[in-house]
Structure formats: structure tokens, C-alpha cells
Amino acid sequence: MTNVSISRSYSESVSKETLQGMMCGDRDSMTKAYLALQPFCFGYFRSKVLDTCAAEDLTQEAFLRVFRDFARYDLNRDFTAWLLGICRNVFREYVRKLSGRREIMWSELCLDLAEAVDDEVGLYEELLPLVSVCMSRLAPNSRAVLSAHYRDGKKVAEIAVDMQRSLSAVKMQMLRARKAIKGCIRKAMHGSEL
């Protein structure tokens, strides 16, 4: 998949020497790492938020944390995967802070799905189109439940009232629909036919 090759090129763009320099607090090494990986981080955030300025702010926040917490980084670990973990945490906090806004609800679904496919180093260019394809394959009621919650920002209790169903029935349908989408995305990410 192209996801993996893109991520490898980013990860390879930061040498072991650069990482060791960062460990010693070398500013030139930090600058090299920032310049090499800033597009990776920005691309991650830009695929999730509509506002370019917000994506830039989130990128800056992620790098502040990288430099602040770098002493805890294990040089034997893949740096890009570690960086992506920081990006995910920054994004989760952003989502919590803006909870309830429509554009954020869709991003929450993407986060859930990304974790379900164990996508440690992928960008999300390939994941987003798969969500739409897999959503279209759901039964109409399941599609309606997920759309109402993630796209329209409705609470599960509101959806239950709108659909004239019990709260537990709607929760179960949401659980099954998310599981079906995760399975569909897994198949696609591993090269199986959709």
C-alpha cells in the first residue's frame, strides 16, 4: 500500500544521528527533524480538520510535545510511529475541546476506525475514501444511525427518539455498524476485494 511507503520515506528522512543529536538537545538536529517531518504531521491534521490554520496550530503543538518529551523516546523504536502517537493525542484533545461540532464528529469516527485497523504509521488519505465506500454497503438503518451521530452530531438518545426505537437497540445497531465498517476497511487495507 502507498501508506506504508510514504511513511517509510518520512521515517527514513530522519537519521539515527539526527535522533541521537536530539537526545543531546542539539538544536540543529531538532531543526532537521522538524523540517523533515512537519509535512507528515500537517498532512495528518489537515486530513482531519477543515481549517488550515487549526491544522498548523495542531502541528506546532505536536512538535512542542515531541521536543519536550523526547528524553522518553526509545531510539530503537520507529520515530514516525512515536510521532504519530503524539499527533493522535493532540488531535484527541482537540476533539474533546470542540466536542459536539459537526466536523469533529466525523473526525472521531476516523480516529476510531484508524485504531481498529492498527494503522500505526499510515497517513489517512486512503482511509477516508474507504469510510464512504464501506458506509454505502451498510443496511439503510445502520447507515442512518452512523450518519445521524457522526455527521449530524446527534446524541444516541435523540436518534432513538427520531427512529422510534429503544436506546439499547440504537446503541447495538451503532456497535454493529462500526464493526462492519472496521471489517470492511481491514479487508481493503489488506488487499482483499471490497
Protein backbone atom coordinates (compact mmCIF):
# COMPACT_ATOMS: atom_id res chain seq x y z
CA MET A 1 0.00 0.00 0.00
CA THR A 2 1.18 3.52 -0.63
CA ASN A 3 0.55 4.44 3.02
CA VAL A 4 3.44 2.32 4.18
CA SER A 5 5.88 3.58 1.54
CA ILE A 6 5.02 7.21 2.27
CA SER A 7 5.55 6.66 5.97
CA ARG A 8 8.82 4.80 5.45
CA SER A 9 10.18 7.68 3.40
CA TYR A 10 9.35 10.07 6.25
CA SER A 11 10.81 7.78 8.85
CA GLU A 12 13.98 7.30 6.80
CA SER A 13 14.32 11.07 6.34
CA VAL A 14 15.37 11.37 10.00
CA SER A 15 18.67 9.61 10.53
CA LYS A 16 19.79 7.85 13.70
CA GLU A 17 22.45 10.57 14.08
CA THR A 18 19.76 13.25 13.98
CA LEU A 19 17.74 11.40 16.63
CA GLN A 20 20.84 10.97 18.80
CA GLY A 21 21.56 14.69 18.41
CA MET A 22 18.01 15.46 19.52
CA MET A 23 18.59 13.24 22.56
CA CYS A 24 21.53 15.51 23.47
CA GLY A 25 19.44 18.65 22.92
CA ASP A 26 21.17 19.67 19.68
CA ARG A 27 19.10 22.45 18.04
CA ASP A 28 20.36 21.67 14.51
CA SER A 29 19.15 18.09 14.87
CA MET A 30 15.77 19.31 16.12
CA THR A 31 15.50 21.68 13.15
CA LYS A 32 16.37 18.86 10.71
CA ALA A 33 13.75 16.58 12.24
CA TYR A 34 11.13 19.33 12.21
CA LEU A 35 11.76 20.23 8.57
CA ALA A 36 11.68 16.58 7.52
CA LEU A 37 8.55 15.60 9.44
CA GLN A 38 6.45 18.77 9.51
CA PRO A 39 4.68 17.78 6.23
CA PHE A 40 3.84 14.37 7.74
CA CYS A 41 2.23 15.96 10.81
CA PHE A 42 0.50 18.72 8.89
CA GLY A 43 -0.91 16.15 6.43
CA TYR A 44 -2.22 14.08 9.32
CA PHE A 45 -4.03 17.04 10.89
CA ARG A 46 -5.17 18.55 7.59
CA SER A 47 -6.90 15.30 6.66
CA LYS A 48 -8.99 15.66 9.83
CA VAL A 49 -9.83 19.34 10.20
CA LEU A 50 -11.36 21.74 7.71
CA ASP A 51 -9.41 24.77 8.86
CA THR A 52 -5.81 25.03 7.60
CA CYS A 53 -4.87 27.35 10.48
CA ALA A 54 -6.13 24.80 13.00
CA ALA A 55 -4.05 22.08 11.28
CA GLU A 56 -0.98 24.33 11.50
CA ASP A 57 -1.63 25.02 15.19
CA LEU A 58 -2.06 21.32 15.92
CA THR A 59 1.19 20.58 14.06
CA GLN A 60 3.04 23.13 16.19
CA GLU A 61 1.54 21.68 19.37
CA ALA A 62 2.62 18.18 18.33
CA PHE A 63 6.21 19.31 17.78
CA LEU A 64 6.28 21.19 21.07
CA ARG A 65 5.42 17.90 22.75
CA VAL A 66 7.97 15.98 20.68
CA PHE A 67 10.76 18.28 21.80
CA ARG A 68 9.50 18.46 25.38
CA ASP A 69 9.12 14.67 25.75
CA PHE A 70 11.96 13.48 23.55
CA ALA A 71 14.02 12.28 26.52
CA ARG A 72 11.43 9.49 26.92
CA TYR A 73 11.76 8.34 23.30
CA ASP A 74 13.42 4.94 22.81
CA LEU A 75 15.94 5.16 19.95
CA ASN A 76 15.16 1.54 19.00
CA ARG A 77 11.53 2.44 18.23
CA ASP A 78 10.23 3.74 14.90
CA PHE A 79 10.29 7.51 15.31
CA THR A 80 7.40 8.11 12.87
CA ALA A 81 5.13 5.76 14.85
CA TRP A 82 6.06 7.58 18.07
CA LEU A 83 5.38 10.94 16.41
CA LEU A 84 2.04 9.68 15.09
CA GLY A 85 1.07 8.65 18.62
CA ILE A 86 1.75 12.21 19.79
CA CYS A 87 -0.29 13.58 16.87
CA ARG A 88 -3.19 11.32 17.78
CA ASN A 89 -3.10 12.51 21.40
CA VAL A 90 -3.01 16.16 20.33
CA PHE A 91 -5.93 15.53 17.99
CA ARG A 92 -7.94 13.68 20.66
CA GLU A 93 -7.57 16.65 22.99
CA TYR A 94 -8.67 18.99 20.19
CA VAL A 95 -11.71 16.80 19.51
CA ARG A 96 -12.65 16.75 23.20
CA LYS A 97 -12.33 20.50 23.43
CA LEU A 98 -14.60 21.06 20.44
CA SER A 99 -16.90 18.14 21.16
CA GLY A 100 -20.30 18.42 19.53
CA ARG A 101 -19.29 20.33 16.42
CA ARG A 102 -20.23 18.53 13.18
CA GLU A 103 -16.82 18.48 11.53
CA ILE A 104 -15.34 16.97 14.68
CA MET A 105 -17.88 14.15 14.87
CA TRP A 106 -16.69 12.77 11.51
CA SER A 107 -13.10 13.01 12.70
CA GLU A 108 -13.97 10.97 15.80
CA LEU A 109 -15.24 8.18 13.56
CA CYS A 110 -11.99 8.31 11.56
CA LEU A 111 -9.97 8.05 14.78
CA ASP A 112 -12.00 5.05 15.92
CA LEU A 113 -11.54 3.34 12.58
CA ALA A 114 -7.83 4.09 12.34
CA GLU A 115 -7.24 2.46 15.70
CA ALA A 116 -9.32 -0.52 14.65
CA VAL A 117 -7.10 -1.25 11.65
CA ASP A 118 -3.93 -0.85 13.76
CA ASP A 119 -2.71 1.88 11.44
CA GLU A 120 0.37 2.99 13.36
CA VAL A 121 2.24 4.75 10.60
CA GLY A 122 -0.35 5.45 7.91
CA LEU A 123 -1.48 8.86 6.80
CA TYR A 124 -5.21 8.92 6.23
CA GLU A 125 -5.56 9.63 2.52
CA GLU A 126 -6.51 6.00 1.87
CA LEU A 127 -8.72 5.56 4.94
CA LEU A 128 -11.17 8.40 4.28
CA PRO A 129 -12.47 7.19 0.88
CA LEU A 130 -12.85 3.69 2.33
CA VAL A 131 -15.17 5.02 5.03
CA SER A 132 -17.59 6.29 2.39
CA VAL A 133 -17.42 3.08 0.37
CA CYS A 134 -17.94 0.91 3.44
CA MET A 135 -20.74 3.16 4.73
CA SER A 136 -22.56 2.74 1.42
CA ARG A 137 -22.54 -1.04 1.94
CA LEU A 138 -24.35 -0.86 5.27
CA ALA A 139 -28.06 -1.51 5.63
CA PRO A 140 -30.05 1.75 5.37
CA ASN A 141 -30.89 1.86 9.10
CA SER A 142 -27.27 1.30 10.12
CA ARG A 143 -26.10 3.99 7.70
CA ALA A 144 -28.75 6.37 9.07
CA VAL A 145 -27.70 5.76 12.68
CA LEU A 146 -24.00 6.44 12.00
CA SER A 147 -24.74 9.47 9.82
CA ALA A 148 -27.05 10.94 12.44
CA HIS A 149 -24.44 10.52 15.15
CA TYR A 150 -21.17 11.31 13.37
CA ARG A 151 -22.27 13.67 10.61
CA ASP A 152 -25.21 15.44 12.25
CA GLY A 153 -23.85 15.33 15.80
CA LYS A 154 -26.95 13.83 17.40
CA LYS A 155 -26.76 12.01 20.69
CA VAL A 156 -27.76 8.36 20.75
CA ALA A 157 -30.86 9.16 22.81
CA GLU A 158 -32.01 11.69 20.16
CA ILE A 159 -31.51 9.12 17.41
CA ALA A 160 -33.56 6.58 19.36
CA VAL A 161 -36.43 9.07 19.64
CA ASP A 162 -36.19 10.03 15.95
CA MET A 163 -36.19 6.38 14.86
CA GLN A 164 -38.82 5.38 17.45
CA ARG A 165 -36.56 2.65 18.81
CA SER A 166 -35.19 1.83 22.23
CA LEU A 167 -31.89 3.36 23.32
CA SER A 168 -30.28 -0.07 23.67
CA ALA A 169 -31.40 -1.08 20.16
CA VAL A 170 -29.80 2.03 18.66
CA LYS A 171 -26.59 1.51 20.66
CA MET A 172 -26.41 -2.08 19.46
CA GLN A 173 -27.02 -1.03 15.86
CA MET A 174 -24.25 1.58 16.12
CA LEU A 175 -21.88 -1.01 17.56
CA ARG A 176 -22.64 -3.49 14.78
CA ALA A 177 -22.40 -0.82 12.07
CA ARG A 178 -18.98 0.35 13.32
CA LYS A 179 -17.82 -3.25 13.50
CA ALA A 180 -18.99 -3.85 9.90
CA ILE A 181 -17.16 -0.74 8.68
CA LYS A 182 -13.99 -1.71 10.55
CA GLY A 183 -14.11 -5.17 8.96
CA CYS A 184 -14.69 -3.68 5.52
CA ILE A 185 -11.75 -1.29 5.95
CA ARG A 186 -9.49 -4.06 7.25
CA LYS A 187 -10.23 -6.11 4.14
CA ALA A 188 -9.49 -3.17 1.87
CA MET A 189 -6.29 -2.22 3.72
CA HIS A 190 -5.02 -5.80 3.46
CA GLY A 191 -5.75 -6.01 -0.26
CA SER A 192 -8.97 -8.01 -0.19
CA GLU A 193 -11.78 -7.16 -2.54
CA LEU A 194 -14.48 -4.87 -1.19
